[in-house]
PDB file of N, CA and C in Angstrom:
ATOM      1  N   MET A   1       0.809  -1.194   0.000  1.00  0.00           N
ATOM      2  CA  MET A   1       0.000   0.000   0.000  1.00  0.00           C
ATOM      3  C   MET A   1       0.858   1.266   0.000  1.00  0.00           C
ATOM      4  N   GLY A   2       2.059   1.194   0.565  1.00  0.00           N
ATOM      5  CA  GLY A   2       2.915   2.369   0.609  1.00  0.00           C
ATOM      6  C   GLY A   2       3.190   2.928  -0.763  1.00  0.00           C
ATOM      7  N   PHE A   3       3.442   2.040  -1.727  1.00  0.00           N
ATOM      8  CA  PHE A   3       3.707   2.462  -3.094  1.00  0.00           C
ATOM      9  C   PHE A   3       2.486   3.170  -3.697  1.00  0.00           C
ATOM     10  N   LEU A   4       1.302   2.584  -3.494  1.00  0.00           N
ATOM     11  CA  LEU A   4       0.080   3.192  -4.022  1.00  0.00           C
ATOM     12  C   LEU A   4      -0.216   4.525  -3.341  1.00  0.00           C
ATOM     13  N   ASN A   5       0.070   4.601  -2.063  1.00  0.00           N
ATOM     14  CA  ASN A   5      -0.137   5.863  -1.354  1.00  0.00           C
ATOM     15  C   ASN A   5       0.766   6.959  -1.905  1.00  0.00           C
ATOM     16  N   GLN A   6       1.990   6.584  -2.307  1.00  0.00           N
ATOM     17  CA  GLN A   6       2.902   7.571  -2.883  1.00  0.00           C
ATOM     18  C   GLN A   6       2.372   8.084  -4.215  1.00  0.00           C
ATOM     19  N   ILE A   7       1.765   7.211  -4.996  1.00  0.00           N
ATOM     20  CA  ILE A   7       1.235   7.606  -6.303  1.00  0.00           C
ATOM     21  C   ILE A   7      -0.058   8.387  -6.157  1.00  0.00           C
ATOM     22  N   PHE A   8      -0.996   7.829  -5.390  1.00  0.00           N
ATOM     23  CA  PHE A   8      -2.337   8.402  -5.307  1.00  0.00           C
ATOM     24  C   PHE A   8      -2.564   9.260  -4.071  1.00  0.00           C
ATOM     25  N   GLY A   9      -1.662   9.220  -3.131  1.00  0.00           N
ATOM     26  CA  GLY A   9      -1.824   9.980  -1.892  1.00  0.00           C
ATOM     27  C   GLY A   9      -2.633   9.196  -0.877  1.00  0.00           C
ATOM     28  N   LYS A  10      -2.346   9.442   0.374  1.00  0.00           N
ATOM     29  CA  LYS A  10      -3.085   8.790   1.448  1.00  0.00           C
ATOM     30  C   LYS A  10      -4.430   9.461   1.606  1.00  0.00           C
ATOM     31  N   ASN A  11      -5.362   8.721   2.127  1.00  0.00           N
ATOM     32  CA  ASN A  11      -6.671   9.267   2.420  1.00  0.00           C
ATOM     33  C   ASN A  11      -6.582   9.964   3.775  1.00  0.00           C
ATOM     34  N   GLU A  12      -6.287  11.256   3.761  1.00  0.00           N
ATOM     35  CA  GLU A  12      -6.082  12.001   5.008  1.00  0.00           C
ATOM     36  C   GLU A  12      -7.354  12.069   5.835  1.00  0.00           C
ATOM     37  N   GLU A  13      -8.514  12.133   5.167  1.00  0.00           N
ATOM     38  CA  GLU A  13      -9.774  12.189   5.901  1.00  0.00           C
ATOM     39  C   GLU A  13      -9.956  10.924   6.736  1.00  0.00           C
ATOM     40  N   GLN A  14      -9.617   9.768   6.155  1.00  0.00           N
ATOM     41  CA  GLN A  14      -9.740   8.514   6.877  1.00  0.00           C
ATOM     42  C   GLN A  14      -8.785   8.480   8.073  1.00  0.00           C
ATOM     43  N   ASP A  15      -7.545   8.937   7.891  1.00  0.00           N
ATOM     44  CA  ASP A  15      -6.585   8.980   8.989  1.00  0.00           C
ATOM     45  C   ASP A  15      -7.068   9.909  10.095  1.00  0.00           C
ATOM     46  N   GLU A  16      -7.616  11.062   9.706  1.00  0.00           N
ATOM     47  CA  GLU A  16      -8.119  12.024  10.686  1.00  0.00           C
ATOM     48  C   GLU A  16      -9.284  11.434  11.470  1.00  0.00           C
ATOM     49  N   THR A  17     -10.192  10.723  10.794  1.00  0.00           N
ATOM     50  CA  THR A  17     -11.350  10.124  11.455  1.00  0.00           C
ATOM     51  C   THR A  17     -10.900   9.078  12.461  1.00  0.00           C
ATOM     52  N   LYS A  18      -9.952   8.230  12.075  1.00  0.00           N
ATOM     53  CA  LYS A  18      -9.481   7.195  12.985  1.00  0.00           C
ATOM     54  C   LYS A  18      -8.846   7.798  14.243  1.00  0.00           C
ATOM     55  N   SER A  19      -8.261   8.979  14.122  1.00  0.00           N
ATOM     56  CA  SER A  19      -7.648   9.613  15.282  1.00  0.00           C
ATOM     57  C   SER A  19      -8.689  10.196  16.240  1.00  0.00           C
ATOM     58  N   LEU A  20      -9.938  10.308  15.806  1.00  0.00           N
ATOM     59  CA  LEU A  20     -11.002  10.804  16.685  1.00  0.00           C
ATOM     60  C   LEU A  20     -11.448   9.747  17.701  1.00  0.00           C
ATOM     61  N   TRP A  21     -11.198   8.474  17.392  1.00  0.00           N
ATOM     62  CA  TRP A  21     -11.629   7.391  18.275  1.00  0.00           C
ATOM     63  C   TRP A  21     -10.758   7.294  19.519  1.00  0.00           C
ATOM     64  N   LYS A  22     -11.414   7.094  20.643  1.00  0.00           N
ATOM     65  CA  LYS A  22     -10.745   6.690  21.874  1.00  0.00           C
ATOM     66  C   LYS A  22     -11.180   5.248  22.112  1.00  0.00           C
ATOM     67  N   LYS A  23     -10.249   4.365  22.350  1.00  0.00           N
ATOM     68  CA  LYS A  23     -10.576   2.954  22.505  1.00  0.00           C
ATOM     69  C   LYS A  23     -11.012   2.640  23.929  1.00  0.00           C
ATOM     70  N   ILE A  24     -12.003   1.768  24.019  1.00  0.00           N
ATOM     71  CA  ILE A  24     -12.418   1.215  25.304  1.00  0.00           C
ATOM     72  C   ILE A  24     -11.896  -0.217  25.333  1.00  0.00           C
ATOM     73  N   GLU A  25     -10.927  -0.448  26.198  1.00  0.00           N
ATOM     74  CA  GLU A  25     -10.301  -1.760  26.281  1.00  0.00           C
ATOM     75  C   GLU A  25     -10.375  -2.368  27.677  1.00  0.00           C
ATOM     76  N   ASN A  26     -10.873  -1.589  28.638  1.00  0.00           N
ATOM     77  CA  ASN A  26     -10.981  -2.101  30.000  1.00  0.00           C
ATOM     78  C   ASN A  26     -12.004  -1.270  30.774  1.00  0.00           C
ATOM     79  N   GLN A  27     -12.234  -1.667  31.997  1.00  0.00           N
ATOM     80  CA  GLN A  27     -13.226  -0.992  32.849  1.00  0.00           C
ATOM     81  C   GLN A  27     -12.875   0.480  33.072  1.00  0.00           C
ATOM     82  N   LYS A  28     -11.602   0.757  33.251  1.00  0.00           N
ATOM     83  CA  LYS A  28     -11.164   2.135  33.470  1.00  0.00           C
ATOM     84  C   LYS A  28     -11.508   3.024  32.268  1.00  0.00           C
ATOM     85  N   ASP A  29     -11.299   2.508  31.061  1.00  0.00           N
ATOM     86  CA  ASP A  29     -11.635   3.267  29.850  1.00  0.00           C
ATOM     87  C   ASP A  29     -13.133   3.564  29.792  1.00  0.00           C
ATOM     88  N   LEU A  30     -13.955   2.568  30.149  1.00  0.00           N
ATOM     89  CA  LEU A  30     -15.409   2.768  30.160  1.00  0.00           C
ATOM     90  C   LEU A  30     -15.786   3.816  31.203  1.00  0.00           C
ATOM     91  N   ASP A  31     -15.192   3.731  32.380  1.00  0.00           N
ATOM     92  CA  ASP A  31     -15.483   4.706  33.433  1.00  0.00           C
ATOM     93  C   ASP A  31     -15.096   6.121  32.987  1.00  0.00           C
ATOM     94  N   GLN A  32     -13.985   6.249  32.274  1.00  0.00           N
ATOM     95  CA  GLN A  32     -13.564   7.561  31.768  1.00  0.00           C
ATOM     96  C   GLN A  32     -14.555   8.094  30.732  1.00  0.00           C
ATOM     97  N   ALA A  33     -15.083   7.211  29.891  1.00  0.00           N
ATOM     98  CA  ALA A  33     -16.086   7.625  28.902  1.00  0.00           C
ATOM     99  C   ALA A  33     -17.346   8.126  29.603  1.00  0.00           C
ATOM    100  N   VAL A  34     -17.765   7.407  30.625  1.00  0.00           N
ATOM    101  CA  VAL A  34     -18.952   7.816  31.383  1.00  0.00           C
ATOM    102  C   VAL A  34     -18.700   9.171  32.047  1.00  0.00           C
ATOM    103  N   GLU A  35     -17.541   9.343  32.644  1.00  0.00           N
ATOM    104  CA  GLU A  35     -17.190  10.619  33.281  1.00  0.00           C
ATOM    105  C   GLU A  35     -17.197  11.754  32.251  1.00  0.00           C
ATOM    106  N   LYS A  36     -16.667  11.487  31.076  1.00  0.00           N
ATOM    107  CA  LYS A  36     -16.634  12.494  30.002  1.00  0.00           C
ATOM    108  C   LYS A  36     -18.044  12.899  29.588  1.00  0.00           C
ATOM    109  N   SER A  37     -19.014  11.996  29.738  1.00  0.00           N
ATOM    110  CA  SER A  37     -20.392  12.288  29.322  1.00  0.00           C
ATOM    111  C   SER A  37     -21.048  13.376  30.163  1.00  0.00           C
ATOM    112  N   PHE A  38     -20.434  13.738  31.277  1.00  0.00           N
ATOM    113  CA  PHE A  38     -20.939  14.848  32.084  1.00  0.00           C
ATOM    114  C   PHE A  38     -20.462  16.191  31.531  1.00  0.00           C
ATOM    115  N   GLN A  39     -19.494  16.157  30.609  1.00  0.00           N
ATOM    116  CA  GLN A  39     -18.966  17.372  29.985  1.00  0.00           C
ATOM    117  C   GLN A  39     -19.490  17.562  28.571  1.00  0.00           C
ATOM    118  N   GLN A  40     -19.632  16.447  27.845  1.00  0.00           N
ATOM    119  CA  GLN A  40     -20.133  16.496  26.472  1.00  0.00           C
ATOM    120  C   GLN A  40     -20.688  15.123  26.116  1.00  0.00           C
ATOM    121  N   LYS A  41     -21.483  15.079  25.054  1.00  0.00           N
ATOM    122  CA  LYS A  41     -22.072  13.818  24.622  1.00  0.00           C
ATOM    123  C   LYS A  41     -20.957  12.849  24.227  1.00  0.00           C
ATOM    124  N   VAL A  42     -21.133  11.597  24.647  1.00  0.00           N
ATOM    125  CA  VAL A  42     -20.188  10.532  24.341  1.00  0.00           C
ATOM    126  C   VAL A  42     -20.908   9.499  23.482  1.00  0.00           C
ATOM    127  N   LEU A  43     -20.269   9.120  22.378  1.00  0.00           N
ATOM    128  CA  LEU A  43     -20.817   8.090  21.505  1.00  0.00           C
ATOM    129  C   LEU A  43     -19.910   6.868  21.561  1.00  0.00           C
ATOM    130  N   ILE A  44     -20.496   5.728  21.879  1.00  0.00           N
ATOM    131  CA  ILE A  44     -19.757   4.470  21.924  1.00  0.00           C
ATOM    132  C   ILE A  44     -20.203   3.624  20.743  1.00  0.00           C
ATOM    133  N   PHE A  45     -19.252   3.292  19.877  1.00  0.00           N
ATOM    134  CA  PHE A  45     -19.529   2.418  18.737  1.00  0.00           C
ATOM    135  C   PHE A  45     -19.025   1.027  19.075  1.00  0.00           C
ATOM    136  N   LYS A  46     -19.957   0.076  19.163  1.00  0.00           N
ATOM    137  CA  LYS A  46     -19.608  -1.316  19.440  1.00  0.00           C
ATOM    138  C   LYS A  46     -19.501  -2.046  18.106  1.00  0.00           C
ATOM    139  N   HIS A  47     -18.324  -2.603  17.835  1.00  0.00           N
ATOM    140  CA  HIS A  47     -18.010  -3.169  16.527  1.00  0.00           C
ATOM    141  C   HIS A  47     -17.523  -4.607  16.630  1.00  0.00           C
ATOM    142  N   SER A  48     -18.065  -5.463  15.766  1.00  0.00           N
ATOM    143  CA  SER A  48     -17.579  -6.824  15.656  1.00  0.00           C
ATOM    144  C   SER A  48     -16.601  -6.905  14.498  1.00  0.00           C
ATOM    145  N   THR A  49     -15.362  -7.235  14.801  1.00  0.00           N
ATOM    146  CA  THR A  49     -14.327  -7.310  13.767  1.00  0.00           C
ATOM    147  C   THR A  49     -14.514  -8.520  12.855  1.00  0.00           C
ATOM    148  N   ARG A  50     -15.431  -9.400  13.174  1.00  0.00           N
ATOM    149  CA  ARG A  50     -15.693 -10.594  12.354  1.00  0.00           C
ATOM    150  C   ARG A  50     -16.898 -10.426  11.440  1.00  0.00           C
ATOM    151  N   CYS A  51     -17.544  -9.271  11.476  1.00  0.00           N
ATOM    152  CA  CYS A  51     -18.819  -9.091  10.773  1.00  0.00           C
ATOM    153  C   CYS A  51     -18.689  -8.068   9.649  1.00  0.00           C
ATOM    154  N   PHE A  52     -19.023  -8.487   8.432  1.00  0.00           N
ATOM    155  CA  PHE A  52     -18.949  -7.597   7.285  1.00  0.00           C
ATOM    156  C   PHE A  52     -19.931  -6.427   7.428  1.00  0.00           C
ATOM    157  N   ILE A  53     -21.120  -6.693   7.932  1.00  0.00           N
ATOM    158  CA  ILE A  53     -22.112  -5.625   8.104  1.00  0.00           C
ATOM    159  C   ILE A  53     -21.586  -4.583   9.082  1.00  0.00           C
ATOM    160  N   SER A  54     -20.995  -5.035  10.170  1.00  0.00           N
ATOM    161  CA  SER A  54     -20.444  -4.112  11.153  1.00  0.00           C
ATOM    162  C   SER A  54     -19.356  -3.245  10.523  1.00  0.00           C
ATOM    163  N   LYS A  55     -18.506  -3.856   9.712  1.00  0.00           N
ATOM    164  CA  LYS A  55     -17.436  -3.102   9.050  1.00  0.00           C
ATOM    165  C   LYS A  55     -18.008  -2.058   8.087  1.00  0.00           C
ATOM    166  N   THR A  56     -19.038  -2.421   7.364  1.00  0.00           N
ATOM    167  CA  THR A  56     -19.680  -1.502   6.415  1.00  0.00           C
ATOM    168  C   THR A  56     -20.319  -0.321   7.152  1.00  0.00           C
ATOM    169  N   VAL A  57     -21.028  -0.617   8.231  1.00  0.00           N
ATOM    170  CA  VAL A  57     -21.677   0.434   9.017  1.00  0.00           C
ATOM    171  C   VAL A  57     -20.622   1.343   9.647  1.00  0.00           C
ATOM    172  N   LEU A  58     -19.527   0.757  10.126  1.00  0.00           N
ATOM    173  CA  LEU A  58     -18.440   1.539  10.714  1.00  0.00           C
ATOM    174  C   LEU A  58     -17.870   2.524   9.693  1.00  0.00           C
ATOM    175  N   LYS A  59     -17.611   2.065   8.490  1.00  0.00           N
ATOM    176  CA  LYS A  59     -17.063   2.956   7.456  1.00  0.00           C
ATOM    177  C   LYS A  59     -18.027   4.101   7.153  1.00  0.00           C
ATOM    178  N   SER A  60     -19.296   3.797   7.056  1.00  0.00           N
ATOM    179  CA  SER A  60     -20.298   4.832   6.803  1.00  0.00           C
ATOM    180  C   SER A  60     -20.337   5.845   7.951  1.00  0.00           C
ATOM    181  N   PHE A  61     -20.287   5.338   9.179  1.00  0.00           N
ATOM    182  CA  PHE A  61     -20.314   6.218  10.347  1.00  0.00           C
ATOM    183  C   PHE A  61     -19.069   7.091  10.397  1.00  0.00           C
ATOM    184  N   GLU A  62     -17.907   6.517  10.084  1.00  0.00           N
ATOM    185  CA  GLU A  62     -16.674   7.304  10.094  1.00  0.00           C
ATOM    186  C   GLU A  62     -16.722   8.419   9.056  1.00  0.00           C
ATOM    187  N   LYS A  63     -17.372   8.173   7.946  1.00  0.00           N
ATOM    188  CA  LYS A  63     -17.534   9.221   6.940  1.00  0.00           C
ATOM    189  C   LYS A  63     -18.392  10.350   7.515  1.00  0.00           C
ATOM    190  N   GLN A  64     -19.448  10.000   8.234  1.00  0.00           N
ATOM    191  CA  GLN A  64     -20.289  11.012   8.881  1.00  0.00           C
ATOM    192  C   GLN A  64     -19.495  11.777   9.940  1.00  0.00           C
ATOM    193  N   MET A  65     -18.656  11.066  10.694  1.00  0.00           N
ATOM    194  CA  MET A  65     -17.836  11.712  11.719  1.00  0.00           C
ATOM    195  C   MET A  65     -16.967  12.800  11.103  1.00  0.00           C
ATOM    196  N   GLY A  66     -16.354  12.489   9.978  1.00  0.00           N
ATOM    197  CA  GLY A  66     -15.461  13.423   9.308  1.00  0.00           C
ATOM    198  C   GLY A  66     -16.157  14.680   8.842  1.00  0.00           C
ATOM    199  N   ASN A  67     -17.464  14.579   8.600  1.00  0.00           N
ATOM    200  CA  ASN A  67     -18.244  15.723   8.118  1.00  0.00           C
ATOM    201  C   ASN A  67     -19.014  16.425   9.226  1.00  0.00           C
ATOM    202  N   SER A  68     -18.880  15.941  10.451  1.00  0.00           N
ATOM    203  CA  SER A  68     -19.669  16.484  11.556  1.00  0.00           C
ATOM    204  C   SER A  68     -18.952  17.636  12.253  1.00  0.00           C
ATOM    205  N   ASP A  69     -19.753  18.600  12.673  1.00  0.00           N
ATOM    206  CA  ASP A  69     -19.201  19.699  13.463  1.00  0.00           C
ATOM    207  C   ASP A  69     -19.716  19.640  14.903  1.00  0.00           C
ATOM    208  N   LYS A  70     -20.345  18.517  15.255  1.00  0.00           N
ATOM    209  CA  LYS A  70     -20.909  18.365  16.591  1.00  0.00           C
ATOM    210  C   LYS A  70     -19.799  18.178  17.615  1.00  0.00           C
ATOM    211  N   ASN A  71     -20.015  18.727  18.794  1.00  0.00           N
ATOM    212  CA  ASN A  71     -19.062  18.626  19.892  1.00  0.00           C
ATOM    213  C   ASN A  71     -19.383  17.379  20.719  1.00  0.00           C
ATOM    214  N   GLN A  72     -18.723  16.285  20.384  1.00  0.00           N
ATOM    215  CA  GLN A  72     -18.944  15.035  21.097  1.00  0.00           C
ATOM    216  C   GLN A  72     -17.667  14.199  21.061  1.00  0.00           C
ATOM    217  N   SER A  73     -17.588  13.246  21.962  1.00  0.00           N
ATOM    218  CA  SER A  73     -16.437  12.351  22.015  1.00  0.00           C
ATOM    219  C   SER A  73     -16.832  10.997  21.452  1.00  0.00           C
ATOM    220  N   TYR A  74     -15.914  10.393  20.699  1.00  0.00           N
ATOM    221  CA  TYR A  74     -16.164   9.116  20.046  1.00  0.00           C
ATOM    222  C   TYR A  74     -15.322   8.021  20.687  1.00  0.00           C
ATOM    223  N   TYR A  75     -15.993   6.958  21.111  1.00  0.00           N
ATOM    224  CA  TYR A  75     -15.328   5.819  21.724  1.00  0.00           C
ATOM    225  C   TYR A  75     -15.626   4.569  20.908  1.00  0.00           C
ATOM    226  N   PHE A  76     -14.627   3.694  20.814  1.00  0.00           N
ATOM    227  CA  PHE A  76     -14.700   2.495  19.994  1.00  0.00           C
ATOM    228  C   PHE A  76     -14.473   1.266  20.857  1.00  0.00           C
ATOM    229  N   LEU A  77     -15.378   0.292  20.735  1.00  0.00           N
ATOM    230  CA  LEU A  77     -15.252  -0.958  21.482  1.00  0.00           C
ATOM    231  C   LEU A  77     -15.211  -2.129  20.511  1.00  0.00           C
ATOM    232  N   ASP A  78     -14.121  -2.866  20.513  1.00  0.00           N
ATOM    233  CA  ASP A  78     -13.992  -4.101  19.742  1.00  0.00           C
ATOM    234  C   ASP A  78     -14.675  -5.195  20.552  1.00  0.00           C
ATOM    235  N   LEU A  79     -15.844  -5.625  20.080  1.00  0.00           N
ATOM    236  CA  LEU A  79     -16.643  -6.602  20.826  1.00  0.00           C
ATOM    237  C   LEU A  79     -15.966  -7.956  20.974  1.00  0.00           C
ATOM    238  N   ILE A  80     -15.232  -8.346  19.963  1.00  0.00           N
ATOM    239  CA  ILE A  80     -14.601  -9.666  19.999  1.00  0.00           C
ATOM    240  C   ILE A  80     -13.509  -9.702  21.076  1.00  0.00           C
ATOM    241  N   ALA A  81     -12.704  -8.667  21.128  1.00  0.00           N
ATOM    242  CA  ALA A  81     -11.609  -8.617  22.094  1.00  0.00           C
ATOM    243  C   ALA A  81     -12.071  -8.267  23.502  1.00  0.00           C
ATOM    244  N   HIS A  82     -13.200  -7.567  23.616  1.00  0.00           N
ATOM    245  CA  HIS A  82     -13.617  -7.051  24.927  1.00  0.00           C
ATOM    246  C   HIS A  82     -15.107  -7.279  25.182  1.00  0.00           C
ATOM    247  N   ARG A  83     -15.532  -8.518  25.041  1.00  0.00           N
ATOM    248  CA  ARG A  83     -16.943  -8.848  25.241  1.00  0.00           C
ATOM    249  C   ARG A  83     -17.380  -8.551  26.682  1.00  0.00           C
ATOM    250  N   ASP A  84     -16.466  -8.684  27.634  1.00  0.00           N
ATOM    251  CA  ASP A  84     -16.808  -8.398  29.023  1.00  0.00           C
ATOM    252  C   ASP A  84     -17.221  -6.936  29.207  1.00  0.00           C
ATOM    253  N   ILE A  85     -16.587  -6.034  28.479  1.00  0.00           N
ATOM    254  CA  ILE A  85     -16.941  -4.619  28.572  1.00  0.00           C
ATOM    255  C   ILE A  85     -18.294  -4.383  27.907  1.00  0.00           C
ATOM    256  N   SER A  86     -18.547  -5.069  26.805  1.00  0.00           N
ATOM    257  CA  SER A  86     -19.856  -4.981  26.151  1.00  0.00           C
ATOM    258  C   SER A  86     -20.956  -5.442  27.104  1.00  0.00           C
ATOM    259  N   ASN A  87     -20.701  -6.527  27.810  1.00  0.00           N
ATOM    260  CA  ASN A  87     -21.672  -7.017  28.794  1.00  0.00           C
ATOM    261  C   ASN A  87     -21.891  -5.992  29.904  1.00  0.00           C
ATOM    262  N   GLU A  88     -20.823  -5.337  30.334  1.00  0.00           N
ATOM    263  CA  GLU A  88     -20.926  -4.299  31.363  1.00  0.00           C
ATOM    264  C   GLU A  88     -21.779  -3.128  30.867  1.00  0.00           C
ATOM    265  N   ILE A  89     -21.595  -2.745  29.612  1.00  0.00           N
ATOM    266  CA  ILE A  89     -22.393  -1.652  29.033  1.00  0.00           C
ATOM    267  C   ILE A  89     -23.867  -2.030  29.025  1.00  0.00           C
ATOM    268  N   GLU A  90     -24.167  -3.259  28.630  1.00  0.00           N
ATOM    269  CA  GLU A  90     -25.549  -3.735  28.608  1.00  0.00           C
ATOM    270  C   GLU A  90     -26.149  -3.683  30.017  1.00  0.00           C
ATOM    271  N   SER A  91     -25.397  -4.156  30.980  1.00  0.00           N
ATOM    272  CA  SER A  91     -25.868  -4.189  32.356  1.00  0.00           C
ATOM    273  C   SER A  91     -26.005  -2.791  32.957  1.00  0.00           C
ATOM    274  N   ARG A  92     -25.002  -1.980  32.774  1.00  0.00           N
ATOM    275  CA  ARG A  92     -24.970  -0.653  33.394  1.00  0.00           C
ATOM    276  C   ARG A  92     -26.022   0.298  32.822  1.00  0.00           C
ATOM    277  N   PHE A  93     -26.232   0.227  31.513  1.00  0.00           N
ATOM    278  CA  PHE A  93     -27.110   1.202  30.866  1.00  0.00           C
ATOM    279  C   PHE A  93     -28.455   0.634  30.429  1.00  0.00           C
ATOM    280  N   GLY A  94     -28.665  -0.671  30.612  1.00  0.00           N
ATOM    281  CA  GLY A  94     -29.942  -1.282  30.247  1.00  0.00           C
ATOM    282  C   GLY A  94     -30.199  -1.282  28.750  1.00  0.00           C
ATOM    283  N   VAL A  95     -29.127  -1.363  27.979  1.00  0.00           N
ATOM    284  CA  VAL A  95     -29.238  -1.367  26.521  1.00  0.00           C
ATOM    285  C   VAL A  95     -28.901  -2.772  26.024  1.00  0.00           C
ATOM    286  N   THR A  96     -29.864  -3.432  25.400  1.00  0.00           N
ATOM    287  CA  THR A  96     -29.660  -4.777  24.898  1.00  0.00           C
ATOM    288  C   THR A  96     -28.533  -4.805  23.879  1.00  0.00           C
ATOM    289  N   HIS A  97     -27.646  -5.787  24.006  1.00  0.00           N
ATOM    290  CA  HIS A  97     -26.485  -5.921  23.122  1.00  0.00           C
ATOM    291  C   HIS A  97     -26.905  -6.107  21.667  1.00  0.00           C
ATOM    292  N   GLN A  98     -26.275  -5.362  20.786  1.00  0.00           N
ATOM    293  CA  GLN A  98     -26.395  -5.500  19.340  1.00  0.00           C
ATOM    294  C   GLN A  98     -25.000  -5.339  18.754  1.00  0.00           C
ATOM    295  N   SER A  99     -24.855  -5.714  17.500  1.00  0.00           N
ATOM    296  CA  SER A  99     -23.590  -5.504  16.815  1.00  0.00           C
ATOM    297  C   SER A  99     -23.852  -5.376  15.315  1.00  0.00           C
ATOM    298  N   PRO A 100     -23.446  -4.266  14.759  1.00  0.00           N
ATOM    299  CA  PRO A 100     -22.850  -3.085  15.369  1.00  0.00           C
ATOM    300  C   PRO A 100     -23.907  -2.299  16.148  1.00  0.00           C
ATOM    301  N   GLN A 101     -23.427  -1.447  17.021  1.00  0.00           N
ATOM    302  CA  GLN A 101     -24.337  -0.658  17.852  1.00  0.00           C
ATOM    303  C   GLN A 101     -23.687   0.670  18.215  1.00  0.00           C
ATOM    304  N   LEU A 102     -24.514   1.698  18.258  1.00  0.00           N
ATOM    305  CA  LEU A 102     -24.071   3.012  18.701  1.00  0.00           C
ATOM    306  C   LEU A 102     -24.899   3.402  19.911  1.00  0.00           C
ATOM    307  N   ILE A 103     -24.218   3.807  20.969  1.00  0.00           N
ATOM    308  CA  ILE A 103     -24.884   4.235  22.201  1.00  0.00           C
ATOM    309  C   ILE A 103     -24.389   5.636  22.528  1.00  0.00           C
ATOM    310  N   ALA A 104     -25.333   6.544  22.772  1.00  0.00           N
ATOM    311  CA  ALA A 104     -24.985   7.909  23.167  1.00  0.00           C
ATOM    312  C   ALA A 104     -25.211   8.049  24.666  1.00  0.00           C
ATOM    313  N   LEU A 105     -24.225   8.636  25.332  1.00  0.00           N
ATOM    314  CA  LEU A 105     -24.305   8.881  26.771  1.00  0.00           C
ATOM    315  C   LEU A 105     -24.313  10.377  27.040  1.00  0.00           C
ATOM    316  N   GLU A 106     -25.162  10.772  27.972  1.00  0.00           N
ATOM    317  CA  GLU A 106     -25.156  12.134  28.496  1.00  0.00           C
ATOM    318  C   GLU A 106     -25.379  12.042  29.995  1.00  0.00           C
ATOM    319  N   ASN A 107     -24.553  12.752  30.736  1.00  0.00           N
ATOM    320  CA  ASN A 107     -24.661  12.771  32.195  1.00  0.00           C
ATOM    321  C   ASN A 107     -24.719  11.373  32.793  1.00  0.00           C
ATOM    322  N   GLY A 108     -23.892  10.477  32.239  1.00  0.00           N
ATOM    323  CA  GLY A 108     -23.778   9.136  32.788  1.00  0.00           C
ATOM    324  C   GLY A 108     -24.891   8.176  32.423  1.00  0.00           C
ATOM    325  N   LYS A 109     -25.796   8.578  31.537  1.00  0.00           N
ATOM    326  CA  LYS A 109     -26.928   7.727  31.165  1.00  0.00           C
ATOM    327  C   LYS A 109     -27.004   7.560  29.653  1.00  0.00           C
ATOM    328  N   ALA A 110     -27.483   6.389  29.229  1.00  0.00           N
ATOM    329  CA  ALA A 110     -27.704   6.153  27.803  1.00  0.00           C
ATOM    330  C   ALA A 110     -28.954   6.916  27.382  1.00  0.00           C
ATOM    331  N   VAL A 111     -28.815   7.796  26.401  1.00  0.00           N
ATOM    332  CA  VAL A 111     -29.941   8.610  25.937  1.00  0.00           C
ATOM    333  C   VAL A 111     -30.371   8.236  24.523  1.00  0.00           C
ATOM    334  N   TYR A 112     -29.600   7.359  23.875  1.00  0.00           N
ATOM    335  CA  TYR A 112     -29.894   6.963  22.499  1.00  0.00           C
ATOM    336  C   TYR A 112     -29.111   5.696  22.197  1.00  0.00           C
ATOM    337  N   ASN A 113     -29.717   4.810  21.431  1.00  0.00           N
ATOM    338  CA  ASN A 113     -28.965   3.686  20.891  1.00  0.00           C
ATOM    339  C   ASN A 113     -29.595   3.244  19.592  1.00  0.00           C
ATOM    340  N   ALA A 114     -28.767   2.746  18.706  1.00  0.00           N
ATOM    341  CA  ALA A 114     -29.216   2.253  17.409  1.00  0.00           C
ATOM    342  C   ALA A 114     -28.287   1.131  16.987  1.00  0.00           C
ATOM    343  N   SER A 115     -28.775   0.293  16.102  1.00  0.00           N
ATOM    344  CA  SER A 115     -27.922  -0.790  15.611  1.00  0.00           C
ATOM    345  C   SER A 115     -28.078  -0.941  14.105  1.00  0.00           C
ATOM    346  N   HIS A 116     -27.112  -1.610  13.534  1.00  0.00           N
ATOM    347  CA  HIS A 116     -27.067  -1.920  12.114  1.00  0.00           C
ATOM    348  C   HIS A 116     -27.266  -0.665  11.269  1.00  0.00           C
ATOM    349  N   GLN A 117     -28.121  -0.735  10.260  1.00  0.00           N
ATOM    350  CA  GLN A 117     -28.292   0.387   9.340  1.00  0.00           C
ATOM    351  C   GLN A 117     -29.028   1.583   9.957  1.00  0.00           C
ATOM    352  N   SER A 118     -29.525   1.443  11.160  1.00  0.00           N
ATOM    353  CA  SER A 118     -30.178   2.569  11.849  1.00  0.00           C
ATOM    354  C   SER A 118     -29.160   3.523  12.474  1.00  0.00           C
ATOM    355  N   ILE A 119     -27.897   3.135  12.479  1.00  0.00           N
ATOM    356  CA  ILE A 119     -26.852   3.992  13.042  1.00  0.00           C
ATOM    357  C   ILE A 119     -26.650   5.179  12.113  1.00  0.00           C
ATOM    358  N   ASP A 120     -26.933   6.374  12.648  1.00  0.00           N
ATOM    359  CA  ASP A 120     -26.858   7.595  11.848  1.00  0.00           C
ATOM    360  C   ASP A 120     -26.524   8.753  12.778  1.00  0.00           C
ATOM    361  N   LEU A 121     -25.421   9.386  12.532  1.00  0.00           N
ATOM    362  CA  LEU A 121     -24.962  10.487  13.374  1.00  0.00           C
ATOM    363  C   LEU A 121     -25.963  11.637  13.407  1.00  0.00           C
ATOM    364  N   ASP A 122     -26.642  11.884  12.308  1.00  0.00           N
ATOM    365  CA  ASP A 122     -27.603  12.982  12.248  1.00  0.00           C
ATOM    366  C   ASP A 122     -28.834  12.737  13.117  1.00  0.00           C
ATOM    367  N   SER A 123     -29.086  11.484  13.498  1.00  0.00           N
ATOM    368  CA  SER A 123     -30.254  11.166  14.317  1.00  0.00           C
ATOM    369  C   SER A 123     -30.043  11.466  15.796  1.00  0.00           C
ATOM    370  N   ILE A 124     -28.804  11.741  16.166  1.00  0.00           N
ATOM    371  CA  ILE A 124     -28.490  11.950  17.589  1.00  0.00           C
ATOM    372  C   ILE A 124     -28.656  13.410  17.956  1.00  0.00           C
TER     373      ILE A 124
END
């Protein structure tokens, strides 16, 4: 890919979007996301790395992120690697597990969730 990037250029928008994500990999990361929700809206994207639909929805959402001017924090959860954290989210916020799934937090509470093709940044 390095050779092709030299010829055609890197997709800077994609690199910029990926840098907006904060990863949730443990309980502490989840607690920090919840704490952040008292300052601004927090969006948690739950993604299955084994699912083509999840990958497609993620790419579409990242495109929306790049075009958004909304003041919010974006968090990413790899469901396969961190299913225990996904279970904690379901338990803590009363949101039934889906994949892919987007959950919006405000003031420590889930205020919105959507899954699959219903995931749309403009709906939040």
